[in-house]
Amino acid sequence: MPPAASGMLHLHDSLMAYLPAQTKGLPPSVVLLLLPLVTIVFAILAGRVVFALALPARKRVPVLEVPLSPALTQDDGVKTRASKTQDLLDPKRPGYLQCYDPATSQRLGEVPIMTAKDVNSLVGKAKKAQAAWAKTSFDERRRVLTAMQHYIVAHMEEIARACSRDSGKPKIEALLGEIMTTCEKIRTVNAQGEAWLKPQYRTPGPMMMHKTAYVEFQPLGVLGVIAPWNYPFHNLYNHVISGLFAGNAVVSKVSEYTSWSSSGYFSDIIRSALVQCGHSPDLVAVVTGLGEAGAALVACPDVDKIIFTGSPGIGKKVMEGAAPHLKPVILELGGKDPMVVMEDADIEGLVPMAMKGAFFNCGQNCCGVERFYVYESVHDRFVAEVVKRVAALRQGPPLSGAERVDCGALVMPRQVEIIQGLVDQAADEGAKVVVGGKPHPGFPKGNFFQPTVLVNVTNEMAIAQEEVFGPVMTIIKVPDDDDATCLRMVNACKYGLGSSIFSKDASRALRLGQQIRAGMTTINDFGVNYLVQALPFGGTKHSGFDRFAGPEGLQACCLMKSVVTDTIPFVKTSIPAQLQYPVSEKTFGFGQGLLGLFYEPTWSGKLKAVRKLM
């Protein structure tokens, strides 16, 4: 007997001897009831102890050690002077991409421009590493992800600083938009992922009642990811988490605008987790370079599936590149999400959410709010409230007094020009700029566009139809507070990612939301879909197709295989003589009888079918 179990029994005997002295004065019937209850409780505890000792010991989750530079540990950790431009290519450094802080134009470093040969080499190594990884247990995969999460939580400030430096966002937005979402993804996948990937049993039907039918989810192989620049930390980890848990290798082409953090510190954390847990660092690889590197990843025959996040135009090119190999593709494309503010909505309560929807991450969100449909009777009150708040927003380089910056920089320099063009066109078409509308004059070296509010916008204007991807709140009045009119306006758009509706009548809001052609709808809230990582994320129309997150997203990282086996080993399918080759004149009649037996709706019809079988 194991020592722990023996000790439990010894403790039980001592307590049984101790109880009589402590139960004097109690009715004998109560004492007789207590004694067996104590025995049962101790038997259960002893059984659990023995069971726990019989299990193999779980491996320790290692504490990761990743080198930290001053750029990661200090807000003023980069001492280079601001460059005149943020040109990615330097003629003096051929073969390398130059990396910049978009808020200051300070040079951060450089990364290699990978060739197709480089990409294929990384994929080949990943494929080799995946063969071993596919055989690991879910416990081991959880251990690797847990090691990452422990490091992320312990070093959230350094990670937030890296996000700020490479993508221009305030550290608090990195904390909430990058780190929190990543931690929640790890928590959800670790807690529920194994159940999502367990075989799913299906009813075989009466004709196959002697069979057991199920769907199983096997590792797919190598996932190729093309990630955007708006959330460099989360966009890398998002598919690494699900890909690794499903038993795959992941090769991610990161944006040329945020390669400094993605291919450096962020990927170092992943490699450290793999190595210190005893696995090959080749299992996750990061590709740097321009569009040609992404095209090489899509075309590589050893990549089993592509996950792309970006614009509809590039998404179409990704599909074209994958087509020769008939390679499956998940596309998460643009968004033009509407927020509907009904006449009975709590204006004061929803305005802070509206502000986050428009200006969080400087508006660079695929599921940010780009169209505000405000019912006529509350339109002016809503506008007055947001104008007051938007005018008070503080903008600037986030690492020079990060706590005092509400709105950071845009990642790409050319995005400033794109937004300016859309705002100017809207003004020419009759819209009114009531706040902002120009690049920020105080920070000419950074990619800053002022938080902007537009009113008198109509649904036909380009700014109401094209993705802005910047800090612009576009407000459209819904005439006569009419739900049907609002629905027509909302759905008259080529995008269909997310949506949100605000009303004190939640059932009315839900009725409207269910008719919006979008992949996601939130009632009386904004952006919470993504923090519910058990839900699938994705859209329809020009916002793409297929899903990531939730069971659907995790299963999308797998080879879905249908399996049929014998329920009872000695009960097997036998082809009747009448259906065997060569066919005879009785074959068709026998087939009619077989179908009639199972599918005739009446008993008389089934009896006729039986006669045909005889």
Foldseek 3Di string as FASTA:
>chain_A
DDPVLVVLVVVLVVVLVVVVVVCPPPPPVVVVVVNVVSVVVSVVVSVVVVVVVPDDDQDDQDAFDDDDALLLVALCRQDAAADPDLAQDDPVDPQWGWAFQQFGNGTDGIDGADALVRLLVLLVLLLVQLVVLLPDDLSLLLSLLVNLLVNCVVRVSSQLSLLCRQFWAFSVLLVPVASLLLNLQSVCCNVCVVVLQAWAWDCPADVVNQKTKTKGWGFQGEEEEEFESLRLQRSQSQCVSLNSSRRYAYEYEYDSSRCSCNQPVNLSSSLRSQVVSPGHSSSYHYHYHDPNSVLSSLQRLRHQAYEYEEALVVVVVSCVSNVVNPHYYFYQHAAAAEEEEFPAFPLVVCLVQLQCLQARSQLQDRQRHQEYEYEPVCQVVNVVVNLVVLQPAAEHSCSPVVVRHDHTAGSDLCLQVLLLVLLVQQVVVPKDKSDFSHADPVRVSHRGGRQTEIPPGDLPRPSNADRSSGRYYYYYYQYPSDLVSVLVSQQPYQWAFEYEYGHPPQVVRVVSQVSRQWPYYYYNHPDCVSSPQLDWGFIDGSSTDFTAGRSRNSSVSTDIDMDMDRPDVVDDDDDDPCCDPPHDPLNVLLVQLVCQCRDVPDPVSNVVSVVSND
